[in-house]
């Protein structure tokens, strides 16, 4: 007779027992609840999508309007020399046509002279503030002084010649041209003194003063040939 212990009997029962089939839900439950699709495996570390960065900051449309409104304006400086030449031609023509009407011709040309002196003052504002202030003084004082000439004789035209000659010398470029401008100033003042000592509005003397001032103006304005004045409009 073979005797088995309790542990041996348990092993024999497990070995001889029929396996239990896996449990499965009935078909009715499968029809009501379809099976979930399997989850995809996680991506490898190298294939993961990079994190999204925030978009760069863009300025608002108001800033664009400020930038567009601050665009500079360019004003050519070449017309300064042409304006001085036009004034000299106007005075010379009036002196040749009617010597006793030279003052009237100069008065008619003073608006062009004032505009040229004002633009000249703006062009010299950064390089020479003293010459710029002198140009503004001539732009305002020359027309006023010439209007007082019929009542005070040849002294007002002489003062105008001296003021313009001083400004053209102060605004002349350094070097040889400044010495030439100084000679032109001496010639203009000497011609004005000769005209003041002679009968009023003597044509030869005033013609020599006009020629000397024209040479000075060409030297002073010639330094701006091909240049432009930049004006920046302030945004509101």
Protein backbone atom coordinates (compact mmCIF):
# COMPACT_ATOMS: atom_id res chain seq x y z
CA UNK A 1 0.00 0.00 0.00
CA UNK A 2 1.34 3.37 -1.02
CA UNK A 3 0.83 6.23 1.31
CA UNK A 4 1.06 9.89 0.17
CA UNK A 5 1.42 12.88 2.30
CA UNK A 6 -0.88 15.87 2.08
CA UNK A 7 1.64 17.89 0.06
CA UNK A 8 2.14 15.03 -2.43
CA UNK A 9 -1.61 14.67 -2.85
CA UNK A 10 -1.94 18.38 -3.56
CA UNK A 11 0.73 18.18 -6.24
CA UNK A 12 -0.99 15.17 -7.88
CA UNK A 13 -4.37 16.94 -7.87
CA UNK A 14 -2.90 20.02 -9.57
CA UNK A 15 -1.15 17.84 -12.18
CA UNK A 16 -4.18 15.70 -13.02
CA UNK A 17 -6.77 18.53 -12.93
CA UNK A 18 -8.08 19.83 -16.29
CA UNK A 19 -7.05 23.43 -17.08
CA UNK A 20 -9.76 26.10 -16.70
CA UNK A 21 -10.43 27.95 -19.97
CA UNK A 22 -9.93 31.77 -19.90
CA UNK A 23 -12.98 33.76 -19.00
CA UNK A 24 -14.59 35.70 -21.82
CA UNK A 25 -17.62 38.02 -21.78
CA UNK A 26 -20.78 36.80 -23.49
CA UNK A 27 -21.46 37.97 -27.09
CA UNK A 28 -24.32 40.19 -25.90
CA UNK A 29 -21.92 42.29 -23.81
CA UNK A 30 -19.46 42.54 -26.71
CA UNK A 31 -22.21 43.91 -28.95
CA UNK A 32 -23.10 46.57 -26.37
CA UNK A 33 -19.53 47.56 -25.48
CA UNK A 34 -17.05 47.26 -28.38
CA UNK A 35 -13.48 46.62 -27.30
CA UNK A 36 -11.17 49.66 -26.89
CA UNK A 37 -8.32 49.98 -29.39
CA UNK A 38 -4.95 49.19 -27.95
CA UNK A 39 -2.90 52.18 -26.80
CA UNK A 40 0.02 53.04 -29.11
CA UNK A 41 3.43 52.48 -27.64
CA UNK A 42 5.20 55.66 -26.44
CA UNK A 43 7.51 57.34 -28.90
CA UNK A 44 11.21 57.03 -28.38
CA UNK A 45 13.01 59.95 -26.80
CA UNK A 46 14.54 60.98 -30.13
CA UNK A 47 11.20 61.04 -31.98
CA UNK A 48 9.27 63.12 -29.48
CA UNK A 49 8.01 66.43 -30.82
CA UNK A 50 9.92 69.47 -29.51
CA UNK A 51 8.06 71.77 -27.15
CA UNK A 52 6.32 74.73 -28.78
CA UNK A 53 7.94 78.07 -28.10
CA UNK A 54 5.82 81.21 -27.62
CA UNK A 55 5.61 83.46 -30.72
CA UNK A 56 8.04 86.40 -30.80
CA UNK A 57 6.76 89.71 -29.52
CA UNK A 58 5.58 91.97 -32.32
CA UNK A 59 5.11 95.71 -31.73
CA UNK A 60 1.58 97.03 -32.09
CA UNK A 61 0.39 98.88 -35.13
CA UNK A 62 0.69 102.19 -33.26
CA UNK A 63 4.48 101.82 -33.12
CA UNK A 64 4.58 101.31 -36.88
CA UNK A 65 2.65 104.54 -37.33
CA UNK A 66 5.12 106.40 -35.12
CA UNK A 67 8.09 105.08 -37.10
CA UNK A 68 6.51 105.99 -40.43
CA UNK A 69 5.64 109.48 -39.19
CA UNK A 70 9.26 110.09 -38.10
CA UNK A 71 10.74 109.79 -41.57
CA UNK A 72 13.11 112.70 -42.25
CA UNK A 73 12.58 115.28 -44.97
CA UNK A 74 15.52 116.19 -47.22
CA UNK A 75 15.84 119.78 -48.47
CA UNK A 76 18.51 120.46 -51.14
CA UNK A 77 20.91 123.28 -50.28
CA UNK A 78 22.01 124.09 -53.83
CA UNK A 79 19.22 126.71 -54.32
CA UNK A 80 20.93 128.97 -51.75
CA UNK A 81 23.63 130.01 -54.22
CA UNK A 82 21.07 130.46 -57.01
CA UNK A 83 18.95 132.69 -54.76
CA UNK A 84 21.91 134.94 -53.97
CA UNK A 85 22.72 135.15 -57.66
CA UNK A 86 19.09 136.04 -58.50
CA UNK A 87 19.15 138.88 -55.95
CA UNK A 88 22.39 140.25 -57.40
CA UNK A 89 21.00 140.08 -60.94
CA UNK A 90 17.79 141.84 -59.91
CA UNK A 91 19.70 144.70 -58.28
CA UNK A 92 22.09 144.97 -61.22
CA UNK A 93 19.27 145.05 -63.79
CA UNK A 94 17.40 147.73 -61.88
CA UNK A 95 20.63 149.74 -61.56
CA UNK A 96 21.31 149.54 -65.29
CA UNK A 97 17.72 150.21 -66.34
CA UNK A 98 17.13 153.12 -63.97
CA UNK A 99 19.95 154.23 -61.65
CA UNK A 100 17.54 156.15 -59.45
CA UNK A 101 15.43 152.97 -59.00
CA UNK A 102 18.21 150.74 -57.64
CA UNK A 103 16.77 150.83 -54.14
CA UNK A 104 13.34 149.75 -55.38
CA UNK A 105 14.92 146.80 -57.19
CA UNK A 106 16.75 145.80 -54.03
CA UNK A 107 13.51 145.98 -52.03
CA UNK A 108 11.75 143.72 -54.54
CA UNK A 109 14.53 141.14 -54.18
CA UNK A 110 14.57 141.14 -50.35
CA UNK A 111 11.99 138.27 -49.96
CA UNK A 112 14.22 135.93 -51.96
CA UNK A 113 17.24 137.13 -49.98
CA UNK A 114 15.48 136.51 -46.65
CA UNK A 115 14.47 132.98 -47.68
CA UNK A 116 18.01 132.16 -48.77
CA UNK A 117 19.45 133.55 -45.53
CA UNK A 118 16.94 131.55 -43.47
CA UNK A 119 17.84 128.30 -45.21
CA UNK A 120 21.52 129.19 -44.90
CA UNK A 121 21.02 129.70 -41.15
CA UNK A 122 19.47 126.24 -40.78
CA UNK A 123 22.34 124.66 -42.70
CA UNK A 124 24.91 126.31 -40.38
CA UNK A 125 23.06 125.60 -37.14
CA UNK A 126 25.11 122.52 -36.18
CA UNK A 127 28.51 123.69 -37.42
CA UNK A 128 28.48 127.38 -36.45
CA UNK A 129 25.76 128.75 -34.19
CA UNK A 130 27.20 132.28 -34.33
CA UNK A 131 27.06 132.40 -38.14
CA UNK A 132 23.53 130.97 -38.04
CA UNK A 133 22.36 133.74 -35.70
CA UNK A 134 24.05 136.33 -37.91
CA UNK A 135 22.22 134.97 -40.95
CA UNK A 136 18.87 135.27 -39.16
CA UNK A 137 19.72 138.81 -38.12
CA UNK A 138 20.52 139.72 -41.74
CA UNK A 139 17.33 138.04 -43.00
CA UNK A 140 15.25 140.24 -40.69
CA UNK A 141 17.34 143.40 -40.58
CA UNK A 142 18.27 143.90 -44.25
CA UNK A 143 14.68 144.40 -45.54
CA UNK A 144 13.86 146.69 -42.62
CA UNK A 145 17.02 148.75 -43.10
CA UNK A 146 16.49 149.14 -46.84
CA UNK A 147 12.95 150.43 -46.27
CA UNK A 148 14.41 153.20 -44.12
CA UNK A 149 16.96 154.17 -46.81
CA UNK A 150 14.89 156.88 -48.61
CA UNK A 151 14.70 158.89 -45.39
CA UNK A 152 18.29 158.46 -44.18
CA UNK A 153 20.40 158.62 -47.32
CA UNK A 154 23.04 156.03 -48.30
CA UNK A 155 23.81 154.92 -44.74
CA UNK A 156 21.24 152.05 -44.58
CA UNK A 157 22.51 150.39 -47.80
CA UNK A 158 26.06 150.68 -46.44
CA UNK A 159 25.02 148.96 -43.22
CA UNK A 160 23.34 146.19 -45.23
CA UNK A 161 26.47 145.64 -47.30
CA UNK A 162 28.62 145.48 -44.17
CA UNK A 163 26.26 143.03 -42.42
CA UNK A 164 26.00 140.72 -45.43
CA UNK A 165 29.76 140.85 -46.02
CA UNK A 166 30.38 139.96 -42.37
CA UNK A 167 28.01 137.00 -42.54
CA UNK A 168 29.51 135.66 -45.77
CA UNK A 169 32.98 135.90 -44.21
CA UNK A 170 31.85 134.11 -41.03
CA UNK A 171 30.24 131.29 -43.03
CA UNK A 172 33.09 130.85 -45.54
CA UNK A 173 35.05 127.57 -45.40
CA UNK A 174 38.46 127.57 -43.83
CA UNK A 175 41.55 127.88 -45.97
CA UNK A 176 42.21 129.93 -49.06
CA UNK A 177 38.54 130.63 -49.70
CA UNK A 178 38.23 132.41 -46.37
CA UNK A 179 41.04 134.81 -47.33
CA UNK A 180 39.32 135.46 -50.65
CA UNK A 181 36.06 136.12 -48.80
CA UNK A 182 37.87 138.54 -46.48
CA UNK A 183 39.18 140.44 -49.51
CA UNK A 184 35.63 140.53 -50.89
CA UNK A 185 34.37 141.95 -47.60
CA UNK A 186 36.98 144.74 -47.70
CA UNK A 187 36.02 145.52 -51.30
CA UNK A 188 32.29 145.61 -50.51
CA UNK A 189 32.75 147.90 -47.50
CA UNK A 190 35.12 150.19 -49.44
CA UNK A 191 32.67 150.44 -52.33
CA UNK A 192 29.85 151.21 -49.90
CA UNK A 193 31.88 153.95 -48.24
CA UNK A 194 32.69 155.42 -51.64
CA UNK A 195 29.02 155.41 -52.57
CA UNK A 196 28.09 157.03 -49.25
CA UNK A 197 30.69 159.79 -49.73
CA UNK A 198 29.56 160.47 -53.31
CA UNK A 199 26.05 161.53 -54.36
CA UNK A 200 23.48 158.94 -53.20
CA UNK A 201 23.04 155.74 -55.17
CA UNK A 202 26.10 156.20 -57.36
CA UNK A 203 25.98 153.33 -59.81
CA UNK A 204 29.69 152.41 -60.18
CA UNK A 205 30.30 152.20 -56.44
CA UNK A 206 27.19 150.18 -55.69
CA UNK A 207 27.93 147.91 -58.66
CA UNK A 208 31.37 147.13 -57.23
CA UNK A 209 29.79 146.35 -53.83
CA UNK A 210 27.26 144.02 -55.45
CA UNK A 211 30.00 142.17 -57.35
CA UNK A 212 32.05 141.74 -54.16
CA UNK A 213 29.04 140.45 -52.24
CA UNK A 214 28.21 138.04 -55.09
CA UNK A 215 31.72 136.55 -54.93
CA UNK A 216 31.41 136.17 -51.17
CA UNK A 217 28.00 134.52 -51.44
CA UNK A 218 29.29 132.05 -54.04
CA UNK A 219 32.17 131.08 -51.73
CA UNK A 220 29.90 130.73 -48.69
CA UNK A 221 27.14 128.75 -50.40
CA UNK A 222 29.50 126.68 -52.55
CA UNK A 223 30.36 124.48 -49.56
CA UNK A 224 26.82 123.05 -49.67
CA UNK A 225 27.01 121.87 -53.27
CA UNK A 226 25.31 118.48 -53.55
CA UNK A 227 24.30 118.46 -49.88
CA UNK A 228 20.81 118.26 -48.35
CA UNK A 229 19.33 119.46 -45.11
CA UNK A 230 17.66 116.68 -43.09
CA UNK A 231 14.59 117.62 -41.08
CA UNK A 232 12.98 115.06 -38.77
CA UNK A 233 9.29 115.56 -37.96
CA UNK A 234 8.43 114.87 -34.34
CA UNK A 235 5.62 112.35 -33.90
CA UNK A 236 2.52 113.65 -32.11
